Protein backbone atom coordinates (compact mmCIF):
# COMPACT_ATOMS: atom_id res chain seq x y z
CA MET A 1 89.87 -54.98 -0.45
CA ALA A 2 90.55 -53.73 -3.86
CA ASN A 3 93.30 -51.24 -4.88
CA LYS A 4 93.95 -48.93 -7.71
CA LEU A 5 95.67 -51.53 -9.67
CA ASP A 6 92.87 -54.08 -9.11
CA ASP A 7 90.59 -51.54 -10.61
CA SER A 8 92.34 -51.57 -14.02
CA LEU A 9 91.89 -55.37 -14.26
CA PRO A 10 88.73 -57.31 -15.41
CA SER A 11 86.44 -58.00 -12.62
CA PRO A 12 86.19 -61.71 -11.14
CA ASP A 13 82.92 -62.20 -13.07
CA GLU A 14 84.51 -61.13 -16.25
CA LEU A 15 87.35 -63.51 -15.67
CA ARG A 16 85.05 -66.26 -14.78
CA ASP A 17 83.36 -65.63 -18.06
CA ALA A 18 86.68 -65.88 -19.68
CA LEU A 19 87.32 -69.22 -18.19
CA ARG A 20 83.97 -70.60 -19.84
CA ALA A 21 86.29 -70.96 -22.96
CA VAL A 22 88.19 -73.89 -21.10
CA VAL A 23 86.29 -77.16 -21.76
CA ASP A 24 87.04 -80.39 -19.79
CA PRO A 25 87.57 -82.62 -22.87
CA GLU A 26 86.28 -85.72 -21.11
CA ALA A 27 82.99 -84.14 -20.08
CA GLY A 28 82.66 -81.82 -23.15
CA MET A 29 81.62 -78.96 -20.77
CA ASN A 30 83.27 -75.83 -19.83
CA ILE A 31 84.98 -75.81 -16.38
CA VAL A 32 82.75 -73.12 -15.03
CA ASP A 33 79.63 -74.66 -15.33
CA LEU A 34 81.17 -78.12 -14.17
CA GLY A 35 81.64 -76.36 -10.95
CA LEU A 36 85.41 -76.83 -11.18
CA ILE A 37 86.21 -73.07 -10.48
CA TYR A 38 86.17 -72.44 -6.87
CA ARG A 39 87.48 -68.86 -6.59
CA VAL A 40 88.28 -66.10 -8.73
CA ALA A 41 89.65 -62.94 -7.31
CA VAL A 42 91.93 -59.94 -7.93
CA GLU A 43 94.13 -59.25 -4.97
CA ASN A 44 96.83 -56.60 -4.96
CA GLY A 45 97.02 -56.81 -8.87
CA VAL A 46 97.31 -60.50 -8.77
CA VAL A 47 94.65 -62.66 -10.43
CA VAL A 48 93.97 -65.62 -8.08
CA VAL A 49 92.20 -68.81 -9.10
CA ASP A 50 91.49 -71.86 -7.19
CA LEU A 51 90.09 -74.89 -9.09
CA THR A 52 89.83 -78.36 -8.76
CA MET A 53 89.29 -81.46 -11.13
CA THR A 54 86.28 -83.99 -11.18
CA SER A 55 88.91 -86.48 -9.77
CA PRO A 56 92.41 -86.57 -8.45
CA ALA A 57 93.16 -89.06 -11.08
CA CYS A 58 91.91 -86.87 -13.86
CA PRO A 59 94.12 -87.64 -16.96
CA VAL A 60 93.56 -84.10 -18.59
CA GLY A 61 94.28 -82.18 -15.64
CA ASP A 62 97.72 -80.69 -16.98
CA ILE A 63 95.74 -79.70 -20.25
CA ILE A 64 93.10 -77.98 -18.27
CA LEU A 65 95.54 -76.05 -16.33
CA GLU A 66 97.42 -74.97 -19.42
CA GLU A 67 94.24 -73.85 -21.06
CA VAL A 68 93.27 -71.97 -17.77
CA GLU A 69 96.35 -70.03 -17.94
CA ALA A 70 96.01 -69.30 -21.68
CA ALA A 71 92.48 -67.94 -21.11
CA LEU A 72 93.67 -65.73 -18.41
CA ARG A 73 96.55 -64.42 -20.45
CA ALA A 74 94.08 -63.66 -23.33
CA ALA A 75 91.68 -61.70 -20.84
CA LEU A 76 94.36 -59.98 -18.95
CA PRO A 77 96.91 -57.07 -19.79
CA ALA A 78 100.17 -58.44 -20.75
CA GLY A 79 102.35 -59.12 -17.77
CA THR A 80 99.72 -59.36 -15.30
CA PRO A 81 100.59 -61.94 -12.59
CA THR A 82 98.40 -64.86 -11.78
CA ASP A 83 98.32 -67.55 -9.12
CA VAL A 84 96.36 -70.54 -10.36
CA ALA A 85 96.01 -73.37 -7.75
CA LEU A 86 94.82 -76.77 -7.93
CA VAL A 87 92.85 -77.50 -4.78
CA TRP A 88 91.22 -80.80 -3.56
CA GLU A 89 89.03 -79.21 -0.77
CA PRO A 90 86.11 -79.40 -0.84
CA PRO A 91 86.07 -82.31 -3.10
CA TRP A 92 84.30 -81.90 -6.17
CA GLU A 93 80.83 -83.52 -6.63
CA PRO A 94 78.20 -83.26 -9.26
CA ALA A 95 76.00 -80.96 -7.03
CA MET A 96 78.61 -78.12 -7.75
CA MET A 97 77.33 -78.12 -11.49
CA SER A 98 75.26 -75.28 -12.83
CA ASP A 99 71.68 -75.79 -13.88
CA GLU A 100 72.97 -75.61 -17.47
CA ALA A 101 75.48 -78.53 -16.88
CA ARG A 102 72.92 -80.64 -15.21
CA ARG A 103 70.60 -80.21 -18.15
CA HIS A 104 73.34 -80.99 -20.40
CA PHE A 105 74.05 -84.40 -18.71
CA ASN A 106 70.18 -84.78 -18.16
CA TRP A 107 70.46 -84.88 -14.27
C-alpha cells in the first residue's frame, strides 16, 4: 500500500526506465531488457530493487550493483533510502529477456 511519502517519488515504472541506463558490459544490453530486474517497488518511502545476475559467477556483478545504485541516486530526490538486493531465486534464464533483447541476440 502506498503512502503520501511514496507519492512524491518516481513510480516503479519510471525507476525501471531509469535502470535501463545500466548495461551489462559482457552482454552489451541493459539489465532491464536482459530480465535481471525482478522487482522495483516503493515501500514506505524506500525504493526496493531485487535483481540477479546471469550467473552467480558473474565477473561484473559488483560493477552492475554500483551502477544500479548510481542510476537510482540520479532518479531519486537526494537522501531517498534504497534497498538493493542481489537475489538468486528464481535463477535467471534467457526466457526472462524482453523481446527486444531476444532480437538483439538473434534468439
